[in-house]
Amino acid sequence: MGCQKRLIGDYRIGTILRSNDLRSESRLRNVPVTSAGDIAPDLLSTFRRELGNQRTLGDVLAWLRAQDPPRSVTDILTQDEYTHDVVVQWSDRTYLAFDAT
């Protein structure tokens, strides 16, 4: 069997709501960063601290590019026409999954 992958997931970036008069407002909702698998507590704490201030997928992508080494999107999984999971490989055994709606 292959090695078990570790995943950080269920981090909702935010949603955009449009009103009838074509003005748009952003309604953002923080969702806790959770783990699936064996994640070191200090690494999970770092992700929670760093990602808690990100409000949009653009913010997350900028944060990923600012890392050493820079990270990029590994895959995008379409859940339905409105929801996508954006997957980023953090290390050999750790992946971040962002639920973008």
PDB file of N, CA and C in Angstrom:
ATOM      1  N   MET A   1       0.829  -1.172   0.000  1.00  0.00           N
ATOM      2  CA  MET A   1       0.000   0.000   0.000  1.00  0.00           C
ATOM      3  C   MET A   1       0.878   1.241   0.000  1.00  0.00           C
ATOM      4  N   GLY A   2       0.404   2.296  -0.602  1.00  0.00           N
ATOM      5  CA  GLY A   2       1.129   3.560  -0.639  1.00  0.00           C
ATOM      6  C   GLY A   2       1.039   4.280   0.689  1.00  0.00           C
ATOM      7  N   CYS A   3       1.779   5.358   0.803  1.00  0.00           N
ATOM      8  CA  CYS A   3       1.738   6.132   2.047  1.00  0.00           C
ATOM      9  C   CYS A   3       0.408   6.869   2.136  1.00  0.00           C
ATOM     10  N   GLN A   4      -0.042   7.079   3.348  1.00  0.00           N
ATOM     11  CA  GLN A   4      -1.288   7.792   3.571  1.00  0.00           C
ATOM     12  C   GLN A   4      -1.048   9.281   3.400  1.00  0.00           C
ATOM     13  N   LYS A   5      -1.890   9.942   2.640  1.00  0.00           N
ATOM     14  CA  LYS A   5      -1.785  11.378   2.437  1.00  0.00           C
ATOM     15  C   LYS A   5      -2.484  12.101   3.591  1.00  0.00           C
ATOM     16  N   ARG A   6      -1.916  13.219   4.005  1.00  0.00           N
ATOM     17  CA  ARG A   6      -2.548  14.043   5.030  1.00  0.00           C
ATOM     18  C   ARG A   6      -3.220  15.218   4.342  1.00  0.00           C
ATOM     19  N   LEU A   7      -4.349  15.651   4.874  1.00  0.00           N
ATOM     20  CA  LEU A   7      -5.133  16.668   4.209  1.00  0.00           C
ATOM     21  C   LEU A   7      -5.665  17.673   5.221  1.00  0.00           C
ATOM     22  N   ILE A   8      -5.551  18.939   4.884  1.00  0.00           N
ATOM     23  CA  ILE A   8      -6.217  19.995   5.642  1.00  0.00           C
ATOM     24  C   ILE A   8      -7.406  20.402   4.782  1.00  0.00           C
ATOM     25  N   GLY A   9      -8.593  20.443   5.347  1.00  0.00           N
ATOM     26  CA  GLY A   9      -9.725  20.707   4.472  1.00  0.00           C
ATOM     27  C   GLY A   9     -10.845  21.503   5.105  1.00  0.00           C
ATOM     28  N   ASP A  10     -11.895  21.671   4.331  1.00  0.00           N
ATOM     29  CA  ASP A  10     -13.120  22.334   4.740  1.00  0.00           C
ATOM     30  C   ASP A  10     -12.889  23.777   5.158  1.00  0.00           C
ATOM     31  N   TYR A  11     -12.088  24.479   4.414  1.00  0.00           N
ATOM     32  CA  TYR A  11     -11.854  25.893   4.677  1.00  0.00           C
ATOM     33  C   TYR A  11     -12.608  26.675   3.624  1.00  0.00           C
ATOM     34  N   ARG A  12     -13.699  27.275   3.996  1.00  0.00           N
ATOM     35  CA  ARG A  12     -14.507  28.015   3.037  1.00  0.00           C
ATOM     36  C   ARG A  12     -13.955  29.418   2.907  1.00  0.00           C
ATOM     37  N   ILE A  13     -13.689  29.832   1.687  1.00  0.00           N
ATOM     38  CA  ILE A  13     -13.115  31.131   1.427  1.00  0.00           C
ATOM     39  C   ILE A  13     -14.183  32.211   1.501  1.00  0.00           C
ATOM     40  N   GLY A  14     -15.293  32.034   0.898  1.00  0.00           N
ATOM     41  CA  GLY A  14     -16.350  33.042   0.954  1.00  0.00           C
ATOM     42  C   GLY A  14     -17.315  32.892  -0.199  1.00  0.00           C
ATOM     43  N   THR A  15     -18.385  33.650  -0.158  1.00  0.00           N
ATOM     44  CA  THR A  15     -19.357  33.628  -1.236  1.00  0.00           C
ATOM     45  C   THR A  15     -19.681  35.059  -1.626  1.00  0.00           C
ATOM     46  N   ILE A  16     -20.064  35.249  -2.850  1.00  0.00           N
ATOM     47  CA  ILE A  16     -20.477  36.556  -3.346  1.00  0.00           C
ATOM     48  C   ILE A  16     -21.986  36.512  -3.550  1.00  0.00           C
ATOM     49  N   LEU A  17     -22.686  37.476  -2.982  1.00  0.00           N
ATOM     50  CA  LEU A  17     -24.131  37.575  -3.150  1.00  0.00           C
ATOM     51  C   LEU A  17     -24.426  38.797  -4.012  1.00  0.00           C
ATOM     52  N   ARG A  18     -25.304  38.682  -4.986  1.00  0.00           N
ATOM     53  CA  ARG A  18     -25.655  39.809  -5.843  1.00  0.00           C
ATOM     54  C   ARG A  18     -27.094  40.218  -5.557  1.00  0.00           C
ATOM     55  N   SER A  19     -27.301  41.516  -5.423  1.00  0.00           N
ATOM     56  CA  SER A  19     -28.645  42.019  -5.173  1.00  0.00           C
ATOM     57  C   SER A  19     -29.343  42.286  -6.503  1.00  0.00           C
ATOM     58  N   ASN A  20     -30.639  42.522  -6.455  1.00  0.00           N
ATOM     59  CA  ASN A  20     -31.420  42.741  -7.668  1.00  0.00           C
ATOM     60  C   ASN A  20     -31.026  44.017  -8.400  1.00  0.00           C
ATOM     61  N   ASP A  21     -30.486  45.002  -7.701  1.00  0.00           N
ATOM     62  CA  ASP A  21     -30.143  46.260  -8.361  1.00  0.00           C
ATOM     63  C   ASP A  21     -28.701  46.267  -8.882  1.00  0.00           C
ATOM     64  N   LEU A  22     -28.126  45.097  -9.087  1.00  0.00           N
ATOM     65  CA  LEU A  22     -26.804  44.898  -9.672  1.00  0.00           C
ATOM     66  C   LEU A  22     -25.653  45.366  -8.804  1.00  0.00           C
ATOM     67  N   ARG A  23     -25.925  45.860  -7.591  1.00  0.00           N
ATOM     68  CA  ARG A  23     -24.823  46.130  -6.674  1.00  0.00           C
ATOM     69  C   ARG A  23     -24.425  44.803  -6.060  1.00  0.00           C
ATOM     70  N   SER A  24     -23.143  44.618  -5.838  1.00  0.00           N
ATOM     71  CA  SER A  24     -22.714  43.356  -5.231  1.00  0.00           C
ATOM     72  C   SER A  24     -22.111  43.639  -3.868  1.00  0.00           C
ATOM     73  N   GLU A  25     -22.313  42.705  -3.006  1.00  0.00           N
ATOM     74  CA  GLU A  25     -21.688  42.796  -1.700  1.00  0.00           C
ATOM     75  C   GLU A  25     -21.067  41.450  -1.397  1.00  0.00           C
ATOM     76  N   SER A  26     -20.000  41.490  -0.673  1.00  0.00           N
ATOM     77  CA  SER A  26     -19.320  40.254  -0.330  1.00  0.00           C
ATOM     78  C   SER A  26     -19.715  39.866   1.084  1.00  0.00           C
ATOM     79  N   ARG A  27     -20.206  38.669   1.227  1.00  0.00           N
ATOM     80  CA  ARG A  27     -20.519  38.148   2.552  1.00  0.00           C
ATOM     81  C   ARG A  27     -19.553  37.002   2.796  1.00  0.00           C
ATOM     82  N   LEU A  28     -18.652  37.196   3.735  1.00  0.00           N
ATOM     83  CA  LEU A  28     -17.609  36.212   3.999  1.00  0.00           C
ATOM     84  C   LEU A  28     -17.909  35.482   5.290  1.00  0.00           C
ATOM     85  N   ARG A  29     -17.626  34.220   5.279  1.00  0.00           N
ATOM     86  CA  ARG A  29     -17.873  33.389   6.445  1.00  0.00           C
ATOM     87  C   ARG A  29     -16.613  32.594   6.728  1.00  0.00           C
ATOM     88  N   ASN A  30     -16.096  32.720   7.930  1.00  0.00           N
ATOM     89  CA  ASN A  30     -14.939  31.915   8.312  1.00  0.00           C
ATOM     90  C   ASN A  30     -15.396  30.524   8.718  1.00  0.00           C
ATOM     91  N   VAL A  31     -14.716  29.558   8.197  1.00  0.00           N
ATOM     92  CA  VAL A  31     -14.964  28.172   8.569  1.00  0.00           C
ATOM     93  C   VAL A  31     -13.661  27.643   9.153  1.00  0.00           C
ATOM     94  N   PRO A  32     -13.723  26.974  10.271  1.00  0.00           N
ATOM     95  CA  PRO A  32     -12.486  26.493  10.898  1.00  0.00           C
ATOM     96  C   PRO A  32     -11.656  25.606   9.978  1.00  0.00           C
ATOM     97  N   VAL A  33     -10.356  25.711  10.102  1.00  0.00           N
ATOM     98  CA  VAL A  33      -9.443  24.827   9.392  1.00  0.00           C
ATOM     99  C   VAL A  33      -9.401  23.528  10.174  1.00  0.00           C
ATOM    100  N   THR A  34      -9.742  22.434   9.519  1.00  0.00           N
ATOM    101  CA  THR A  34      -9.782  21.135  10.187  1.00  0.00           C
ATOM    102  C   THR A  34      -8.803  20.185   9.518  1.00  0.00           C
ATOM    103  N   SER A  35      -8.503  19.105  10.182  1.00  0.00           N
ATOM    104  CA  SER A  35      -7.553  18.142   9.632  1.00  0.00           C
ATOM    105  C   SER A  35      -8.220  16.792   9.397  1.00  0.00           C
ATOM    106  N   ALA A  36      -7.669  16.076   8.449  1.00  0.00           N
ATOM    107  CA  ALA A  36      -8.061  14.692   8.186  1.00  0.00           C
ATOM    108  C   ALA A  36      -6.755  13.919   8.100  1.00  0.00           C
ATOM    109  N   GLY A  37      -6.532  13.032   9.015  1.00  0.00           N
ATOM    110  CA  GLY A  37      -5.265  12.304   9.034  1.00  0.00           C
ATOM    111  C   GLY A  37      -4.395  12.774  10.185  1.00  0.00           C
ATOM    112  N   ASP A  38      -3.165  12.366  10.138  1.00  0.00           N
ATOM    113  CA  ASP A  38      -2.214  12.635  11.220  1.00  0.00           C
ATOM    114  C   ASP A  38      -1.434  13.921  10.919  1.00  0.00           C
ATOM    115  N   ILE A  39      -1.925  15.051  11.429  1.00  0.00           N
ATOM    116  CA  ILE A  39      -1.285  16.349  11.227  1.00  0.00           C
ATOM    117  C   ILE A  39      -0.635  16.770  12.539  1.00  0.00           C
ATOM    118  N   ALA A  40       0.619  17.178  12.478  1.00  0.00           N
ATOM    119  CA  ALA A  40       1.302  17.659  13.687  1.00  0.00           C
ATOM    120  C   ALA A  40       0.558  18.884  14.228  1.00  0.00           C
ATOM    121  N   PRO A  41       0.320  18.932  15.543  1.00  0.00           N
ATOM    122  CA  PRO A  41      -0.426  20.046  16.125  1.00  0.00           C
ATOM    123  C   PRO A  41       0.175  21.421  15.807  1.00  0.00           C
ATOM    124  N   ASP A  42       1.503  21.530  15.779  1.00  0.00           N
ATOM    125  CA  ASP A  42       2.103  22.831  15.487  1.00  0.00           C
ATOM    126  C   ASP A  42       1.861  23.240  14.030  1.00  0.00           C
ATOM    127  N   LEU A  43       1.861  22.286  13.101  1.00  0.00           N
ATOM    128  CA  LEU A  43       1.586  22.597  11.704  1.00  0.00           C
ATOM    129  C   LEU A  43       0.124  23.015  11.526  1.00  0.00           C
ATOM    130  N   LEU A  44      -0.785  22.297  12.164  1.00  0.00           N
ATOM    131  CA  LEU A  44      -2.198  22.651  12.098  1.00  0.00           C
ATOM    132  C   LEU A  44      -2.424  24.040  12.695  1.00  0.00           C
ATOM    133  N   SER A  45      -1.766  24.332  13.798  1.00  0.00           N
ATOM    134  CA  SER A  45      -1.873  25.651  14.423  1.00  0.00           C
ATOM    135  C   SER A  45      -1.375  26.751  13.484  1.00  0.00           C
ATOM    136  N   THR A  46      -0.272  26.491  12.787  1.00  0.00           N
ATOM    137  CA  THR A  46       0.265  27.455  11.828  1.00  0.00           C
ATOM    138  C   THR A  46      -0.733  27.705  10.704  1.00  0.00           C
ATOM    139  N   PHE A  47      -1.302  26.643  10.149  1.00  0.00           N
ATOM    140  CA  PHE A  47      -2.294  26.813   9.083  1.00  0.00           C
ATOM    141  C   PHE A  47      -3.500  27.603   9.582  1.00  0.00           C
ATOM    142  N   ARG A  48      -3.968  27.307  10.772  1.00  0.00           N
ATOM    143  CA  ARG A  48      -5.120  28.041  11.315  1.00  0.00           C
ATOM    144  C   ARG A  48      -4.796  29.523  11.466  1.00  0.00           C
ATOM    145  N   ARG A  49      -3.622  29.822  11.973  1.00  0.00           N
ATOM    146  CA  ARG A  49      -3.212  31.218  12.177  1.00  0.00           C
ATOM    147  C   ARG A  49      -3.047  31.938  10.837  1.00  0.00           C
ATOM    148  N   GLU A  50      -2.362  31.309   9.902  1.00  0.00           N
ATOM    149  CA  GLU A  50      -2.071  31.943   8.615  1.00  0.00           C
ATOM    150  C   GLU A  50      -3.311  32.069   7.725  1.00  0.00           C
ATOM    151  N   LEU A  51      -4.151  31.068   7.709  1.00  0.00           N
ATOM    152  CA  LEU A  51      -5.289  31.067   6.806  1.00  0.00           C
ATOM    153  C   LEU A  51      -6.507  31.778   7.374  1.00  0.00           C
ATOM    154  N   GLY A  52      -6.516  32.027   8.671  1.00  0.00           N
ATOM    155  CA  GLY A  52      -7.653  32.699   9.289  1.00  0.00           C
ATOM    156  C   GLY A  52      -7.872  34.107   8.787  1.00  0.00           C
ATOM    157  N   ASN A  53      -6.836  34.752   8.250  1.00  0.00           N
ATOM    158  CA  ASN A  53      -6.951  36.120   7.748  1.00  0.00           C
ATOM    159  C   ASN A  53      -7.251  36.187   6.254  1.00  0.00           C
ATOM    160  N   GLN A  54      -7.290  35.064   5.591  1.00  0.00           N
ATOM    161  CA  GLN A  54      -7.537  35.047   4.150  1.00  0.00           C
ATOM    162  C   GLN A  54      -9.037  35.150   3.901  1.00  0.00           C
ATOM    163  N   ARG A  55      -9.446  36.077   3.055  1.00  0.00           N
ATOM    164  CA  ARG A  55     -10.879  36.308   2.824  1.00  0.00           C
ATOM    165  C   ARG A  55     -11.375  35.845   1.460  1.00  0.00           C
ATOM    166  N   THR A  56     -10.462  35.702   0.502  1.00  0.00           N
ATOM    167  CA  THR A  56     -10.865  35.291  -0.844  1.00  0.00           C
ATOM    168  C   THR A  56      -9.890  34.237  -1.354  1.00  0.00           C
ATOM    169  N   LEU A  57     -10.270  33.560  -2.417  1.00  0.00           N
ATOM    170  CA  LEU A  57      -9.366  32.607  -3.024  1.00  0.00           C
ATOM    171  C   LEU A  57      -8.124  33.321  -3.541  1.00  0.00           C
ATOM    172  N   GLY A  58      -8.284  34.547  -4.026  1.00  0.00           N
ATOM    173  CA  GLY A  58      -7.134  35.344  -4.459  1.00  0.00           C
ATOM    174  C   GLY A  58      -6.162  35.588  -3.326  1.00  0.00           C
ATOM    175  N   ASP A  59      -6.683  35.859  -2.116  1.00  0.00           N
ATOM    176  CA  ASP A  59      -5.828  36.037  -0.939  1.00  0.00           C
ATOM    177  C   ASP A  59      -5.046  34.759  -0.642  1.00  0.00           C
ATOM    178  N   VAL A  60      -5.726  33.635  -0.734  1.00  0.00           N
ATOM    179  CA  VAL A  60      -5.070  32.349  -0.473  1.00  0.00           C
ATOM    180  C   VAL A  60      -3.971  32.097  -1.502  1.00  0.00           C
ATOM    181  N   LEU A  61      -4.259  32.352  -2.778  1.00  0.00           N
ATOM    182  CA  LEU A  61      -3.255  32.133  -3.817  1.00  0.00           C
ATOM    183  C   LEU A  61      -2.050  33.043  -3.625  1.00  0.00           C
ATOM    184  N   ALA A  62      -2.281  34.291  -3.221  1.00  0.00           N
ATOM    185  CA  ALA A  62      -1.165  35.204  -2.941  1.00  0.00           C
ATOM    186  C   ALA A  62      -0.347  34.686  -1.763  1.00  0.00           C
ATOM    187  N   TRP A  63      -1.009  34.176  -0.722  1.00  0.00           N
ATOM    188  CA  TRP A  63      -0.321  33.627   0.441  1.00  0.00           C
ATOM    189  C   TRP A  63       0.525  32.421   0.031  1.00  0.00           C
ATOM    190  N   LEU A  64      -0.030  31.561  -0.830  1.00  0.00           N
ATOM    191  CA  LEU A  64       0.705  30.380  -1.292  1.00  0.00           C
ATOM    192  C   LEU A  64       1.953  30.775  -2.074  1.00  0.00           C
ATOM    193  N   ARG A  65       1.846  31.796  -2.928  1.00  0.00           N
ATOM    194  CA  ARG A  65       3.003  32.249  -3.703  1.00  0.00           C
ATOM    195  C   ARG A  65       4.070  32.884  -2.821  1.00  0.00           C
ATOM    196  N   ALA A  66       3.681  33.413  -1.669  1.00  0.00           N
ATOM    197  CA  ALA A  66       4.630  34.072  -0.769  1.00  0.00           C
ATOM    198  C   ALA A  66       5.388  33.081   0.114  1.00  0.00           C
ATOM    199  N   GLN A  67       5.018  31.806   0.077  1.00  0.00           N
ATOM    200  CA  GLN A  67       5.679  30.804   0.910  1.00  0.00           C
ATOM    201  C   GLN A  67       7.052  30.456   0.351  1.00  0.00           C
ATOM    202  N   ASP A  68       7.891  29.853   1.175  1.00  0.00           N
ATOM    203  CA  ASP A  68       9.225  29.439   0.753  1.00  0.00           C
ATOM    204  C   ASP A  68       9.350  27.930   0.920  1.00  0.00           C
ATOM    205  N   PRO A  69       9.286  27.157  -0.138  1.00  0.00           N
ATOM    206  CA  PRO A  69       9.160  27.565  -1.537  1.00  0.00           C
ATOM    207  C   PRO A  69       7.712  27.938  -1.861  1.00  0.00           C
ATOM    208  N   PRO A  70       7.511  28.712  -2.936  1.00  0.00           N
ATOM    209  CA  PRO A  70       6.146  29.079  -3.334  1.00  0.00           C
ATOM    210  C   PRO A  70       5.341  27.829  -3.682  1.00  0.00           C
ATOM    211  N   ARG A  71       4.061  27.859  -3.353  1.00  0.00           N
ATOM    212  CA  ARG A  71       3.170  26.739  -3.673  1.00  0.00           C
ATOM    213  C   ARG A  71       2.184  27.186  -4.741  1.00  0.00           C
ATOM    214  N   SER A  72       1.669  26.232  -5.489  1.00  0.00           N
ATOM    215  CA  SER A  72       0.649  26.535  -6.494  1.00  0.00           C
ATOM    216  C   SER A  72      -0.438  25.468  -6.426  1.00  0.00           C
ATOM    217  N   VAL A  73      -1.517  25.723  -7.109  1.00  0.00           N
ATOM    218  CA  VAL A  73      -2.648  24.802  -7.123  1.00  0.00           C
ATOM    219  C   VAL A  73      -2.236  23.512  -7.820  1.00  0.00           C
ATOM    220  N   THR A  74      -2.502  22.392  -7.149  1.00  0.00           N
ATOM    221  CA  THR A  74      -2.206  21.071  -7.687  1.00  0.00           C
ATOM    222  C   THR A  74      -3.359  20.562  -8.534  1.00  0.00           C
ATOM    223  N   ASP A  75      -4.591  20.813  -8.062  1.00  0.00           N
ATOM    224  CA  ASP A  75      -5.767  20.304  -8.753  1.00  0.00           C
ATOM    225  C   ASP A  75      -6.980  21.115  -8.334  1.00  0.00           C
ATOM    226  N   ILE A  76      -7.983  21.151  -9.187  1.00  0.00           N
ATOM    227  CA  ILE A  76      -9.282  21.743  -8.869  1.00  0.00           C
ATOM    228  C   ILE A  76     -10.329  20.684  -9.148  1.00  0.00           C
ATOM    229  N   LEU A  77     -11.089  20.342  -8.127  1.00  0.00           N
ATOM    230  CA  LEU A  77     -12.126  19.314  -8.248  1.00  0.00           C
ATOM    231  C   LEU A  77     -13.486  19.987  -8.249  1.00  0.00           C
ATOM    232  N   THR A  78     -14.263  19.796  -9.302  1.00  0.00           N
ATOM    233  CA  THR A  78     -15.586  20.397  -9.397  1.00  0.00           C
ATOM    234  C   THR A  78     -16.582  19.534  -8.644  1.00  0.00           C
ATOM    235  N   GLN A  79     -17.261  20.134  -7.675  1.00  0.00           N
ATOM    236  CA  GLN A  79     -18.292  19.427  -6.920  1.00  0.00           C
ATOM    237  C   GLN A  79     -19.656  19.598  -7.587  1.00  0.00           C
ATOM    238  N   ASP A  80     -19.963  20.822  -7.982  1.00  0.00           N
ATOM    239  CA  ASP A  80     -21.167  21.138  -8.745  1.00  0.00           C
ATOM    240  C   ASP A  80     -20.879  22.454  -9.466  1.00  0.00           C
ATOM    241  N   GLU A  81     -21.902  23.073 -10.062  1.00  0.00           N
ATOM    242  CA  GLU A  81     -21.627  24.273 -10.849  1.00  0.00           C
ATOM    243  C   GLU A  81     -21.170  25.453 -10.006  1.00  0.00           C
ATOM    244  N   TYR A  82     -21.365  25.420  -8.693  1.00  0.00           N
ATOM    245  CA  TYR A  82     -21.002  26.535  -7.825  1.00  0.00           C
ATOM    246  C   TYR A  82     -19.839  26.235  -6.879  1.00  0.00           C
ATOM    247  N   THR A  83     -19.538  24.985  -6.661  1.00  0.00           N
ATOM    248  CA  THR A  83     -18.583  24.599  -5.627  1.00  0.00           C
ATOM    249  C   THR A  83     -17.404  23.851  -6.240  1.00  0.00           C
ATOM    250  N   HIS A  84     -16.204  24.265  -5.836  1.00  0.00           N
ATOM    251  CA  HIS A  84     -14.975  23.616  -6.292  1.00  0.00           C
ATOM    252  C   HIS A  84     -14.063  23.406  -5.094  1.00  0.00           C
ATOM    253  N   ASP A  85     -13.317  22.325  -5.097  1.00  0.00           N
ATOM    254  CA  ASP A  85     -12.272  22.107  -4.104  1.00  0.00           C
ATOM    255  C   ASP A  85     -10.946  22.422  -4.779  1.00  0.00           C
ATOM    256  N   VAL A  86     -10.215  23.365  -4.212  1.00  0.00           N
ATOM    257  CA  VAL A  86      -8.908  23.750  -4.732  1.00  0.00           C
ATOM    258  C   VAL A  86      -7.867  23.038  -3.875  1.00  0.00           C
ATOM    259  N   VAL A  87      -7.053  22.185  -4.492  1.00  0.00           N
ATOM    260  CA  VAL A  87      -6.103  21.332  -3.780  1.00  0.00           C
ATOM    261  C   VAL A  87      -4.686  21.830  -4.020  1.00  0.00           C
ATOM    262  N   VAL A  88      -3.921  21.921  -2.928  1.00  0.00           N
ATOM    263  CA  VAL A  88      -2.529  22.370  -2.993  1.00  0.00           C
ATOM    264  C   VAL A  88      -1.662  21.354  -2.260  1.00  0.00           C
ATOM    265  N   GLN A  89      -0.617  20.885  -2.908  1.00  0.00           N
ATOM    266  CA  GLN A  89       0.322  19.987  -2.236  1.00  0.00           C
ATOM    267  C   GLN A  89       1.278  20.841  -1.411  1.00  0.00           C
ATOM    268  N   TRP A  90       1.247  20.632  -0.086  1.00  0.00           N
ATOM    269  CA  TRP A  90       2.116  21.385   0.809  1.00  0.00           C
ATOM    270  C   TRP A  90       3.474  20.708   0.963  1.00  0.00           C
ATOM    271  N   SER A  91       3.437  19.382   1.120  1.00  0.00           N
ATOM    272  CA  SER A  91       4.661  18.584   1.244  1.00  0.00           C
ATOM    273  C   SER A  91       4.368  17.214   0.639  1.00  0.00           C
ATOM    274  N   ASP A  92       5.325  16.305   0.762  1.00  0.00           N
ATOM    275  CA  ASP A  92       5.120  14.973   0.186  1.00  0.00           C
ATOM    276  C   ASP A  92       3.860  14.292   0.710  1.00  0.00           C
ATOM    277  N   ARG A  93       3.521  14.535   1.971  1.00  0.00           N
ATOM    278  CA  ARG A  93       2.389  13.833   2.585  1.00  0.00           C
ATOM    279  C   ARG A  93       1.284  14.753   3.066  1.00  0.00           C
ATOM    280  N   THR A  94       1.381  16.051   2.806  1.00  0.00           N
ATOM    281  CA  THR A  94       0.379  16.988   3.298  1.00  0.00           C
ATOM    282  C   THR A  94      -0.200  17.806   2.151  1.00  0.00           C
ATOM    283  N   TYR A  95      -1.522  17.806   2.079  1.00  0.00           N
ATOM    284  CA  TYR A  95      -2.235  18.575   1.066  1.00  0.00           C
ATOM    285  C   TYR A  95      -3.208  19.532   1.755  1.00  0.00           C
ATOM    286  N   LEU A  96      -3.408  20.683   1.158  1.00  0.00           N
ATOM    287  CA  LEU A  96      -4.427  21.630   1.625  1.00  0.00           C
ATOM    288  C   LEU A  96      -5.575  21.575   0.631  1.00  0.00           C
ATOM    289  N   ALA A  97      -6.801  21.555   1.131  1.00  0.00           N
ATOM    290  CA  ALA A  97      -7.982  21.562   0.278  1.00  0.00           C
ATOM    291  C   ALA A  97      -8.856  22.739   0.689  1.00  0.00           C
ATOM    292  N   PHE A  98      -9.147  23.614  -0.268  1.00  0.00           N
ATOM    293  CA  PHE A  98      -9.961  24.802  -0.021  1.00  0.00           C
ATOM    294  C   PHE A  98     -11.292  24.623  -0.743  1.00  0.00           C
ATOM    295  N   ASP A  99     -12.381  24.672   0.013  1.00  0.00           N
ATOM    296  CA  ASP A  99     -13.727  24.554  -0.534  1.00  0.00           C
ATOM    297  C   ASP A  99     -14.141  25.951  -0.965  1.00  0.00           C
ATOM    298  N   ALA A 100     -14.170  26.210  -2.250  1.00  0.00           N
ATOM    299  CA  ALA A 100     -14.528  27.525  -2.784  1.00  0.00           C
ATOM    300  C   ALA A 100     -15.924  27.487  -3.364  1.00  0.00           C
ATOM    301  N   THR A 101     -16.777  28.376  -2.886  1.00  0.00           N
ATOM    302  CA  THR A 101     -18.152  28.457  -3.368  1.00  0.00           C
ATOM    303  C   THR A 101     -18.373  29.789  -4.036  1.00  0.00           C
TER     304      THR A 101
END
